[in-house]
Amino acid sequence: MVELISCKFEGSKTMERQNERFSASLINHITWDTNDSGEFLDVDVKLNLSLEIHTLPFTMLPVSAVEGPGNLMMQALLDRLVPLLLRQLLQDYDKWIKQQLH
């Protein structure tokens, strides 16, 4: 299990002030499984984000106009990051196995 412990914005003062209006939680369960096709990793990611939007022009838009694109952006980010995480886990596991054999 991989769990998000903390998350914050860094950059300009305006960006860093968003930390007061932002929260995130993530739990990523990764399990090893087998079926008729062979062995595989099963990944289940649960991501919850909360961001209070208080700046123009976003406050003038309906919530769905901000939420929809935001959800698409986060899904695209997860679609990119989860395979990278799995690749790194497999590399680390391979390295660990090789160290155990020596």
PDB file of N, CA and C in Angstrom:
ATOM      1  N   MET A   1       0.843  -1.169   0.000  1.00  0.00           N
ATOM      2  CA  MET A   1       0.000   0.000   0.000  1.00  0.00           C
ATOM      3  C   MET A   1       0.892   1.237   0.000  1.00  0.00           C
ATOM      4  N   VAL A   2       0.568   2.175  -0.871  1.00  0.00           N
ATOM      5  CA  VAL A   2       1.253   3.464  -0.927  1.00  0.00           C
ATOM      6  C   VAL A   2       0.220   4.507  -0.542  1.00  0.00           C
ATOM      7  N   GLU A   3       0.576   5.345   0.439  1.00  0.00           N
ATOM      8  CA  GLU A   3      -0.374   6.342   0.937  1.00  0.00           C
ATOM      9  C   GLU A   3       0.254   7.730   0.902  1.00  0.00           C
ATOM     10  N   LEU A   4      -0.519   8.699   0.430  1.00  0.00           N
ATOM     11  CA  LEU A   4      -0.079  10.088   0.427  1.00  0.00           C
ATOM     12  C   LEU A   4      -0.068  10.590   1.860  1.00  0.00           C
ATOM     13  N   ILE A   5       1.069  11.089   2.301  1.00  0.00           N
ATOM     14  CA  ILE A   5       1.202  11.584   3.673  1.00  0.00           C
ATOM     15  C   ILE A   5       1.012  13.087   3.724  1.00  0.00           C
ATOM     16  N   SER A   6       1.593  13.797   2.772  1.00  0.00           N
ATOM     17  CA  SER A   6       1.409  15.249   2.744  1.00  0.00           C
ATOM     18  C   SER A   6       1.523  15.743   1.307  1.00  0.00           C
ATOM     19  N   CYS A   7       0.952  16.892   1.079  1.00  0.00           N
ATOM     20  CA  CYS A   7       0.962  17.478  -0.245  1.00  0.00           C
ATOM     21  C   CYS A   7       0.809  18.981  -0.105  1.00  0.00           C
ATOM     22  N   LYS A   8       1.658  19.733  -0.800  1.00  0.00           N
ATOM     23  CA  LYS A   8       1.520  21.181  -0.744  1.00  0.00           C
ATOM     24  C   LYS A   8       2.015  21.796  -2.038  1.00  0.00           C
ATOM     25  N   PHE A   9       1.474  22.978  -2.327  1.00  0.00           N
ATOM     26  CA  PHE A   9       1.914  23.747  -3.482  1.00  0.00           C
ATOM     27  C   PHE A   9       3.133  24.568  -3.094  1.00  0.00           C
ATOM     28  N   GLU A  10       4.079  24.691  -4.024  1.00  0.00           N
ATOM     29  CA  GLU A  10       5.235  25.552  -3.833  1.00  0.00           C
ATOM     30  C   GLU A  10       5.368  26.448  -5.049  1.00  0.00           C
ATOM     31  N   GLY A  11       5.891  27.642  -4.827  1.00  0.00           N
ATOM     32  CA  GLY A  11       6.071  28.577  -5.934  1.00  0.00           C
ATOM     33  C   GLY A  11       5.828  29.988  -5.459  1.00  0.00           C
ATOM     34  N   SER A  12       5.047  30.724  -6.240  1.00  0.00           N
ATOM     35  CA  SER A  12       4.765  32.119  -5.897  1.00  0.00           C
ATOM     36  C   SER A  12       3.926  32.190  -4.629  1.00  0.00           C
ATOM     37  N   LYS A  13       3.870  33.364  -4.028  1.00  0.00           N
ATOM     38  CA  LYS A  13       3.043  33.565  -2.822  1.00  0.00           C
ATOM     39  C   LYS A  13       1.590  33.216  -3.119  1.00  0.00           C
ATOM     40  N   THR A  14       1.099  33.619  -4.286  1.00  0.00           N
ATOM     41  CA  THR A  14      -0.282  33.316  -4.673  1.00  0.00           C
ATOM     42  C   THR A  14      -0.504  31.806  -4.712  1.00  0.00           C
ATOM     43  N   MET A  15       0.441  31.085  -5.297  1.00  0.00           N
ATOM     44  CA  MET A  15       0.334  29.625  -5.377  1.00  0.00           C
ATOM     45  C   MET A  15       0.376  29.007  -3.983  1.00  0.00           C
ATOM     46  N   GLU A  16       1.291  29.453  -3.146  1.00  0.00           N
ATOM     47  CA  GLU A  16       1.431  28.874  -1.810  1.00  0.00           C
ATOM     48  C   GLU A  16       0.230  29.173  -0.924  1.00  0.00           C
ATOM     49  N   ARG A  17      -0.478  30.289  -1.161  1.00  0.00           N
ATOM     50  CA  ARG A  17      -1.684  30.580  -0.384  1.00  0.00           C
ATOM     51  C   ARG A  17      -2.790  29.560  -0.657  1.00  0.00           C
ATOM     52  N   GLN A  18      -2.700  28.866  -1.786  1.00  0.00           N
ATOM     53  CA  GLN A  18      -3.697  27.837  -2.112  1.00  0.00           C
ATOM     54  C   GLN A  18      -3.650  26.673  -1.125  1.00  0.00           C
ATOM     55  N   ASN A  19      -2.521  26.509  -0.437  1.00  0.00           N
ATOM     56  CA  ASN A  19      -2.408  25.429   0.544  1.00  0.00           C
ATOM     57  C   ASN A  19      -3.468  25.546   1.638  1.00  0.00           C
ATOM     58  N   GLU A  20      -3.929  26.765   1.914  1.00  0.00           N
ATOM     59  CA  GLU A  20      -4.971  26.973   2.926  1.00  0.00           C
ATOM     60  C   GLU A  20      -6.321  26.458   2.448  1.00  0.00           C
ATOM     61  N   ARG A  21      -6.489  26.289   1.143  1.00  0.00           N
ATOM     62  CA  ARG A  21      -7.771  25.899   0.562  1.00  0.00           C
ATOM     63  C   ARG A  21      -7.698  24.559  -0.169  1.00  0.00           C
ATOM     64  N   PHE A  22      -6.677  23.788   0.112  1.00  0.00           N
ATOM     65  CA  PHE A  22      -6.433  22.552  -0.623  1.00  0.00           C
ATOM     66  C   PHE A  22      -6.196  21.403   0.345  1.00  0.00           C
ATOM     67  N   SER A  23      -6.756  20.256   0.028  1.00  0.00           N
ATOM     68  CA  SER A  23      -6.424  19.036   0.765  1.00  0.00           C
ATOM     69  C   SER A  23      -6.480  17.861  -0.213  1.00  0.00           C
ATOM     70  N   ALA A  24      -5.710  16.853   0.088  1.00  0.00           N
ATOM     71  CA  ALA A  24      -5.659  15.676  -0.778  1.00  0.00           C
ATOM     72  C   ALA A  24      -5.402  14.441   0.063  1.00  0.00           C
ATOM     73  N   SER A  25      -5.977  13.337  -0.379  1.00  0.00           N
ATOM     74  CA  SER A  25      -5.650  12.039   0.213  1.00  0.00           C
ATOM     75  C   SER A  25      -5.572  11.023  -0.919  1.00  0.00           C
ATOM     76  N   LEU A  26      -4.656  10.089  -0.779  1.00  0.00           N
ATOM     77  CA  LEU A  26      -4.466   9.076  -1.799  1.00  0.00           C
ATOM     78  C   LEU A  26      -4.069   7.781  -1.117  1.00  0.00           C
ATOM     79  N   ILE A  27      -4.724   6.723  -1.509  1.00  0.00           N
ATOM     80  CA  ILE A  27      -4.340   5.380  -1.063  1.00  0.00           C
ATOM     81  C   ILE A  27      -4.244   4.522  -2.316  1.00  0.00           C
ATOM     82  N   ASN A  28      -3.118   3.887  -2.482  1.00  0.00           N
ATOM     83  CA  ASN A  28      -2.830   3.081  -3.653  1.00  0.00           C
ATOM     84  C   ASN A  28      -2.546   1.656  -3.184  1.00  0.00           C
ATOM     85  N   HIS A  29      -3.490   0.754  -3.406  1.00  0.00           N
ATOM     86  CA  HIS A  29      -3.305  -0.661  -3.045  1.00  0.00           C
ATOM     87  C   HIS A  29      -2.761  -1.397  -4.264  1.00  0.00           C
ATOM     88  N   ILE A  30      -1.645  -2.075  -4.074  1.00  0.00           N
ATOM     89  CA  ILE A  30      -1.025  -2.859  -5.134  1.00  0.00           C
ATOM     90  C   ILE A  30      -0.925  -4.293  -4.635  1.00  0.00           C
ATOM     91  N   THR A  31      -1.490  -5.215  -5.391  1.00  0.00           N
ATOM     92  CA  THR A  31      -1.439  -6.628  -5.001  1.00  0.00           C
ATOM     93  C   THR A  31      -0.923  -7.468  -6.165  1.00  0.00           C
ATOM     94  N   TRP A  32      -0.257  -8.524  -5.805  1.00  0.00           N
ATOM     95  CA  TRP A  32       0.252  -9.487  -6.783  1.00  0.00           C
ATOM     96  C   TRP A  32      -0.809 -10.552  -6.944  1.00  0.00           C
ATOM     97  N   ASP A  33      -1.133 -10.903  -8.173  1.00  0.00           N
ATOM     98  CA  ASP A  33      -2.179 -11.891  -8.406  1.00  0.00           C
ATOM     99  C   ASP A  33      -1.811 -12.746  -9.610  1.00  0.00           C
ATOM    100  N   THR A  34      -2.505 -13.853  -9.764  1.00  0.00           N
ATOM    101  CA  THR A  34      -2.307 -14.727 -10.921  1.00  0.00           C
ATOM    102  C   THR A  34      -3.664 -15.128 -11.487  1.00  0.00           C
ATOM    103  N   ASN A  35      -3.671 -15.409 -12.770  1.00  0.00           N
ATOM    104  CA  ASN A  35      -4.851 -16.005 -13.410  1.00  0.00           C
ATOM    105  C   ASN A  35      -4.350 -16.904 -14.532  1.00  0.00           C
ATOM    106  N   ASP A  36      -5.227 -17.334 -15.412  1.00  0.00           N
ATOM    107  CA  ASP A  36      -4.829 -18.243 -16.490  1.00  0.00           C
ATOM    108  C   ASP A  36      -3.773 -17.632 -17.411  1.00  0.00           C
ATOM    109  N   SER A  37      -3.746 -16.308 -17.501  1.00  0.00           N
ATOM    110  CA  SER A  37      -2.789 -15.618 -18.377  1.00  0.00           C
ATOM    111  C   SER A  37      -1.412 -15.472 -17.742  1.00  0.00           C
ATOM    112  N   GLY A  38      -1.321 -15.617 -16.422  1.00  0.00           N
ATOM    113  CA  GLY A  38      -0.043 -15.488 -15.749  1.00  0.00           C
ATOM    114  C   GLY A  38      -0.132 -14.599 -14.523  1.00  0.00           C
ATOM    115  N   GLU A  39       1.015 -14.093 -14.106  1.00  0.00           N
ATOM    116  CA  GLU A  39       1.098 -13.259 -12.916  1.00  0.00           C
ATOM    117  C   GLU A  39       0.973 -11.790 -13.315  1.00  0.00           C
ATOM    118  N   PHE A  40       0.397 -10.992 -12.415  1.00  0.00           N
ATOM    119  CA  PHE A  40       0.239  -9.569 -12.700  1.00  0.00           C
ATOM    120  C   PHE A  40       0.071  -8.781 -11.414  1.00  0.00           C
ATOM    121  N   LEU A  41       0.305  -7.467 -11.517  1.00  0.00           N
ATOM    122  CA  LEU A  41       0.044  -6.550 -10.414  1.00  0.00           C
ATOM    123  C   LEU A  41      -1.334  -5.938 -10.616  1.00  0.00           C
ATOM    124  N   ASP A  42      -2.135  -5.958  -9.571  1.00  0.00           N
ATOM    125  CA  ASP A  42      -3.451  -5.316  -9.591  1.00  0.00           C
ATOM    126  C   ASP A  42      -3.331  -4.017  -8.803  1.00  0.00           C
ATOM    127  N   VAL A  43      -3.744  -2.906  -9.405  1.00  0.00           N
ATOM    128  CA  VAL A  43      -3.593  -1.596  -8.792  1.00  0.00           C
ATOM    129  C   VAL A  43      -4.953  -0.954  -8.602  1.00  0.00           C
ATOM    130  N   ASP A  44      -5.209  -0.474  -7.394  1.00  0.00           N
ATOM    131  CA  ASP A  44      -6.453   0.236  -7.079  1.00  0.00           C
ATOM    132  C   ASP A  44      -6.073   1.559  -6.429  1.00  0.00           C
ATOM    133  N   VAL A  45      -6.338   2.659  -7.118  1.00  0.00           N
ATOM    134  CA  VAL A  45      -5.973   3.988  -6.637  1.00  0.00           C
ATOM    135  C   VAL A  45      -7.231   4.740  -6.215  1.00  0.00           C
ATOM    136  N   LYS A  46      -7.202   5.276  -5.011  1.00  0.00           N
ATOM    137  CA  LYS A  46      -8.287   6.124  -4.522  1.00  0.00           C
ATOM    138  C   LYS A  46      -7.706   7.498  -4.210  1.00  0.00           C
ATOM    139  N   LEU A  47      -8.131   8.492  -4.964  1.00  0.00           N
ATOM    140  CA  LEU A  47      -7.633   9.846  -4.814  1.00  0.00           C
ATOM    141  C   LEU A  47      -8.798  10.769  -4.518  1.00  0.00           C
ATOM    142  N   ASN A  48      -8.674  11.539  -3.463  1.00  0.00           N
ATOM    143  CA  ASN A  48      -9.666  12.546  -3.114  1.00  0.00           C
ATOM    144  C   ASN A  48      -8.969  13.891  -3.016  1.00  0.00           C
ATOM    145  N   LEU A  49      -9.498  14.863  -3.746  1.00  0.00           N
ATOM    146  CA  LEU A  49      -8.957  16.213  -3.718  1.00  0.00           C
ATOM    147  C   LEU A  49     -10.065  17.183  -3.360  1.00  0.00           C
ATOM    148  N   SER A  50      -9.684  18.186  -2.619  1.00  0.00           N
ATOM    149  CA  SER A  50     -10.607  19.266  -2.302  1.00  0.00           C
ATOM    150  C   SER A  50      -9.858  20.576  -2.493  1.00  0.00           C
ATOM    151  N   LEU A  51     -10.408  21.431  -3.336  1.00  0.00           N
ATOM    152  CA  LEU A  51      -9.786  22.724  -3.608  1.00  0.00           C
ATOM    153  C   LEU A  51     -10.884  23.774  -3.662  1.00  0.00           C
ATOM    154  N   GLU A  52     -10.812  24.711  -2.742  1.00  0.00           N
ATOM    155  CA  GLU A  52     -11.762  25.818  -2.725  1.00  0.00           C
ATOM    156  C   GLU A  52     -11.290  26.862  -3.723  1.00  0.00           C
ATOM    157  N   ILE A  53     -12.128  27.154  -4.695  1.00  0.00           N
ATOM    158  CA  ILE A  53     -11.763  28.116  -5.728  1.00  0.00           C
ATOM    159  C   ILE A  53     -12.328  29.470  -5.333  1.00  0.00           C
ATOM    160  N   HIS A  54     -11.442  30.459  -5.218  1.00  0.00           N
ATOM    161  CA  HIS A  54     -11.871  31.769  -4.731  1.00  0.00           C
ATOM    162  C   HIS A  54     -11.336  32.927  -5.567  1.00  0.00           C
ATOM    163  N   THR A  55     -10.748  32.629  -6.721  1.00  0.00           N
ATOM    164  CA  THR A  55     -10.165  33.686  -7.546  1.00  0.00           C
ATOM    165  C   THR A  55     -10.948  33.860  -8.847  1.00  0.00           C
ATOM    166  N   LEU A  56     -10.959  35.083  -9.327  1.00  0.00           N
ATOM    167  CA  LEU A  56     -11.573  35.364 -10.625  1.00  0.00           C
ATOM    168  C   LEU A  56     -10.695  34.795 -11.728  1.00  0.00           C
ATOM    169  N   PRO A  57     -11.163  34.353 -12.823  1.00  0.00           N
ATOM    170  CA  PRO A  57     -12.557  34.312 -13.254  1.00  0.00           C
ATOM    171  C   PRO A  57     -13.280  33.050 -12.826  1.00  0.00           C
ATOM    172  N   PHE A  58     -12.569  32.140 -12.098  1.00  0.00           N
ATOM    173  CA  PHE A  58     -13.135  30.830 -11.769  1.00  0.00           C
ATOM    174  C   PHE A  58     -14.371  30.927 -10.884  1.00  0.00           C
ATOM    175  N   THR A  59     -14.428  31.931 -10.004  1.00  0.00           N
ATOM    176  CA  THR A  59     -15.590  32.071  -9.123  1.00  0.00           C
ATOM    177  C   THR A  59     -16.841  32.458  -9.894  1.00  0.00           C
ATOM    178  N   MET A  60     -16.680  32.955 -11.098  1.00  0.00           N
ATOM    179  CA  MET A  60     -17.828  33.350 -11.901  1.00  0.00           C
ATOM    180  C   MET A  60     -18.382  32.185 -12.721  1.00  0.00           C
ATOM    181  N   LEU A  61     -17.670  31.088 -12.772  1.00  0.00           N
ATOM    182  CA  LEU A  61     -18.080  29.925 -13.561  1.00  0.00           C
ATOM    183  C   LEU A  61     -18.888  28.954 -12.714  1.00  0.00           C
ATOM    184  N   PRO A  62     -19.763  28.178 -13.349  1.00  0.00           N
ATOM    185  CA  PRO A  62     -20.441  27.103 -12.595  1.00  0.00           C
ATOM    186  C   PRO A  62     -19.407  26.078 -12.121  1.00  0.00           C
ATOM    187  N   VAL A  63     -19.672  25.451 -11.000  1.00  0.00           N
ATOM    188  CA  VAL A  63     -18.740  24.469 -10.432  1.00  0.00           C
ATOM    189  C   VAL A  63     -18.378  23.402 -11.464  1.00  0.00           C
ATOM    190  N   SER A  64     -19.358  22.942 -12.227  1.00  0.00           N
ATOM    191  CA  SER A  64     -19.092  21.883 -13.207  1.00  0.00           C
ATOM    192  C   SER A  64     -18.098  22.320 -14.280  1.00  0.00           C
ATOM    193  N   ALA A  65     -18.043  23.619 -14.589  1.00  0.00           N
ATOM    194  CA  ALA A  65     -17.112  24.120 -15.600  1.00  0.00           C
ATOM    195  C   ALA A  65     -15.669  24.047 -15.115  1.00  0.00           C
ATOM    196  N   VAL A  66     -15.474  24.056 -13.812  1.00  0.00           N
ATOM    197  CA  VAL A  66     -14.135  23.942 -13.230  1.00  0.00           C
ATOM    198  C   VAL A  66     -13.857  22.494 -12.841  1.00  0.00           C
ATOM    199  N   GLU A  67     -14.855  21.840 -12.279  1.00  0.00           N
ATOM    200  CA  GLU A  67     -14.697  20.481 -11.776  1.00  0.00           C
ATOM    201  C   GLU A  67     -14.453  19.477 -12.901  1.00  0.00           C
ATOM    202  N   GLY A  68     -15.183  19.587 -14.007  1.00  0.00           N
ATOM    203  CA  GLY A  68     -15.033  18.647 -15.123  1.00  0.00           C
ATOM    204  C   GLY A  68     -13.624  18.624 -15.680  1.00  0.00           C
ATOM    205  N   PRO A  69     -13.088  19.782 -16.119  1.00  0.00           N
ATOM    206  CA  PRO A  69     -11.706  19.792 -16.616  1.00  0.00           C
ATOM    207  C   PRO A  69     -10.691  19.390 -15.540  1.00  0.00           C
ATOM    208  N   GLY A  70     -10.956  19.770 -14.296  1.00  0.00           N
ATOM    209  CA  GLY A  70     -10.053  19.379 -13.210  1.00  0.00           C
ATOM    210  C   GLY A  70     -10.006  17.877 -13.038  1.00  0.00           C
ATOM    211  N   ASN A  71     -11.171  17.229 -13.102  1.00  0.00           N
ATOM    212  CA  ASN A  71     -11.214  15.769 -12.993  1.00  0.00           C
ATOM    213  C   ASN A  71     -10.479  15.107 -14.156  1.00  0.00           C
ATOM    214  N   LEU A  72     -10.668  15.643 -15.361  1.00  0.00           N
ATOM    215  CA  LEU A  72      -9.965  15.084 -16.527  1.00  0.00           C
ATOM    216  C   LEU A  72      -8.450  15.231 -16.384  1.00  0.00           C
ATOM    217  N   MET A  73      -8.017  16.381 -15.888  1.00  0.00           N
ATOM    218  CA  MET A  73      -6.589  16.614 -15.694  1.00  0.00           C
ATOM    219  C   MET A  73      -6.018  15.644 -14.659  1.00  0.00           C
ATOM    220  N   MET A  74      -6.734  15.452 -13.552  1.00  0.00           N
ATOM    221  CA  MET A  74      -6.242  14.541 -12.516  1.00  0.00           C
ATOM    222  C   MET A  74      -6.216  13.099 -13.017  1.00  0.00           C
ATOM    223  N   GLN A  75      -7.216  12.696 -13.807  1.00  0.00           N
ATOM    224  CA  GLN A  75      -7.223  11.343 -14.357  1.00  0.00           C
ATOM    225  C   GLN A  75      -6.036  11.144 -15.291  1.00  0.00           C
ATOM    226  N   ALA A  76      -5.752  12.151 -16.124  1.00  0.00           N
ATOM    227  CA  ALA A  76      -4.602  12.063 -17.027  1.00  0.00           C
ATOM    228  C   ALA A  76      -3.300  11.969 -16.235  1.00  0.00           C
ATOM    229  N   LEU A  77      -3.210  12.720 -15.150  1.00  0.00           N
ATOM    230  CA  LEU A  77      -2.025  12.676 -14.300  1.00  0.00           C
ATOM    231  C   LEU A  77      -1.854  11.289 -13.678  1.00  0.00           C
ATOM    232  N   LEU A  78      -2.935  10.736 -13.145  1.00  0.00           N
ATOM    233  CA  LEU A  78      -2.862   9.392 -12.564  1.00  0.00           C
ATOM    234  C   LEU A  78      -2.524   8.339 -13.617  1.00  0.00           C
ATOM    235  N   ASP A  79      -3.117   8.485 -14.812  1.00  0.00           N
ATOM    236  CA  ASP A  79      -2.829   7.531 -15.886  1.00  0.00           C
ATOM    237  C   ASP A  79      -1.347   7.532 -16.239  1.00  0.00           C
ATOM    238  N   ARG A  80      -0.684   8.636 -16.028  1.00  0.00           N
ATOM    239  CA  ARG A  80       0.745   8.736 -16.324  1.00  0.00           C
ATOM    240  C   ARG A  80       1.607   8.293 -15.128  1.00  0.00           C
ATOM    241  N   LEU A  81       1.190   8.685 -13.912  1.00  0.00           N
ATOM    242  CA  LEU A  81       2.015   8.431 -12.733  1.00  0.00           C
ATOM    243  C   LEU A  81       1.961   6.991 -12.236  1.00  0.00           C
ATOM    244  N   VAL A  82       0.805   6.346 -12.294  1.00  0.00           N
ATOM    245  CA  VAL A  82       0.693   4.979 -11.769  1.00  0.00           C
ATOM    246  C   VAL A  82       1.622   4.021 -12.516  1.00  0.00           C
ATOM    247  N   PRO A  83       1.662   4.035 -13.858  1.00  0.00           N
ATOM    248  CA  PRO A  83       2.636   3.152 -14.529  1.00  0.00           C
ATOM    249  C   PRO A  83       4.086   3.472 -14.160  1.00  0.00           C
ATOM    250  N   LEU A  84       4.403   4.748 -13.953  1.00  0.00           N
ATOM    251  CA  LEU A  84       5.763   5.097 -13.523  1.00  0.00           C
ATOM    252  C   LEU A  84       6.066   4.517 -12.144  1.00  0.00           C
ATOM    253  N   LEU A  85       5.107   4.606 -11.240  1.00  0.00           N
ATOM    254  CA  LEU A  85       5.272   4.031  -9.907  1.00  0.00           C
ATOM    255  C   LEU A  85       5.484   2.523 -10.000  1.00  0.00           C
ATOM    256  N   LEU A  86       4.679   1.851 -10.795  1.00  0.00           N
ATOM    257  CA  LEU A  86       4.818   0.399 -10.931  1.00  0.00           C
ATOM    258  C   LEU A  86       6.154   0.018 -11.542  1.00  0.00           C
ATOM    259  N   ARG A  87       6.582   0.774 -12.533  1.00  0.00           N
ATOM    260  CA  ARG A  87       7.890   0.497 -13.139  1.00  0.00           C
ATOM    261  C   ARG A  87       8.995   0.638 -12.103  1.00  0.00           C
ATOM    262  N   GLN A  88       8.926   1.685 -11.279  1.00  0.00           N
ATOM    263  CA  GLN A  88       9.938   1.896 -10.243  1.00  0.00           C
ATOM    264  C   GLN A  88       9.896   0.777  -9.205  1.00  0.00           C
ATOM    265  N   LEU A  89       8.690   0.349  -8.821  1.00  0.00           N
ATOM    266  CA  LEU A  89       8.568  -0.764  -7.872  1.00  0.00           C
ATOM    267  C   LEU A  89       9.209  -2.033  -8.419  1.00  0.00           C
ATOM    268  N   LEU A  90       8.963  -2.323  -9.689  1.00  0.00           N
ATOM    269  CA  LEU A  90       9.555  -3.520 -10.287  1.00  0.00           C
ATOM    270  C   LEU A  90      11.072  -3.417 -10.354  1.00  0.00           C
ATOM    271  N   GLN A  91      11.602  -2.225 -10.676  1.00  0.00           N
ATOM    272  CA  GLN A  91      13.052  -2.039 -10.702  1.00  0.00           C
ATOM    273  C   GLN A  91      13.643  -2.215  -9.306  1.00  0.00           C
ATOM    274  N   ASP A  92      12.975  -1.638  -8.308  1.00  0.00           N
ATOM    275  CA  ASP A  92      13.464  -1.767  -6.930  1.00  0.00           C
ATOM    276  C   ASP A  92      13.400  -3.214  -6.457  1.00  0.00           C
ATOM    277  N   TYR A  93      12.326  -3.922  -6.832  1.00  0.00           N
ATOM    278  CA  TYR A  93      12.192  -5.326  -6.444  1.00  0.00           C
ATOM    279  C   TYR A  93      13.293  -6.156  -7.094  1.00  0.00           C
ATOM    280  N   ASP A  94      13.555  -5.923  -8.372  1.00  0.00           N
ATOM    281  CA  ASP A  94      14.610  -6.643  -9.075  1.00  0.00           C
ATOM    282  C   ASP A  94      15.964  -6.390  -8.420  1.00  0.00           C
ATOM    283  N   LYS A  95      16.219  -5.148  -8.067  1.00  0.00           N
ATOM    284  CA  LYS A  95      17.479  -4.788  -7.391  1.00  0.00           C
ATOM    285  C   LYS A  95      17.569  -5.490  -6.038  1.00  0.00           C
ATOM    286  N   TRP A  96      16.479  -5.516  -5.294  1.00  0.00           N
ATOM    287  CA  TRP A  96      16.458  -6.165  -3.986  1.00  0.00           C
ATOM    288  C   TRP A  96      16.729  -7.666  -4.109  1.00  0.00           C
ATOM    289  N   ILE A  97      16.100  -8.306  -5.116  1.00  0.00           N
ATOM    290  CA  ILE A  97      16.309  -9.748  -5.334  1.00  0.00           C
ATOM    291  C   ILE A  97      17.776 -10.015  -5.631  1.00  0.00           C
ATOM    292  N   LYS A  98      18.379  -9.221  -6.478  1.00  0.00           N
ATOM    293  CA  LYS A  98      19.791  -9.410  -6.831  1.00  0.00           C
ATOM    294  C   LYS A  98      20.685  -9.237  -5.608  1.00  0.00           C
ATOM    295  N   GLN A  99      20.356  -8.310  -4.730  1.00  0.00           N
ATOM    296  CA  GLN A  99      21.145  -8.115  -3.509  1.00  0.00           C
ATOM    297  C   GLN A  99      20.998  -9.303  -2.569  1.00  0.00           C
ATOM    298  N   GLN A 100      19.835  -9.926  -2.535  1.00  0.00           N
ATOM    299  CA  GLN A 100      19.615 -11.077  -1.674  1.00  0.00           C
ATOM    300  C   GLN A 100      20.405 -12.291  -2.129  1.00  0.00           C
ATOM    301  N   LEU A 101      20.657 -12.374  -3.435  1.00  0.00           N
ATOM    302  CA  LEU A 101      21.372 -13.526  -3.991  1.00  0.00           C
ATOM    303  C   LEU A 101      22.876 -13.437  -3.767  1.00  0.00           C
ATOM    304  N   HIS A 102      23.385 -12.265  -3.429  1.00  0.00           N
ATOM    305  CA  HIS A 102      24.848 -12.103  -3.229  1.00  0.00           C
ATOM    306  C   HIS A 102      25.224 -12.192  -1.791  1.00  0.00           C
TER     307      HIS A 102
END
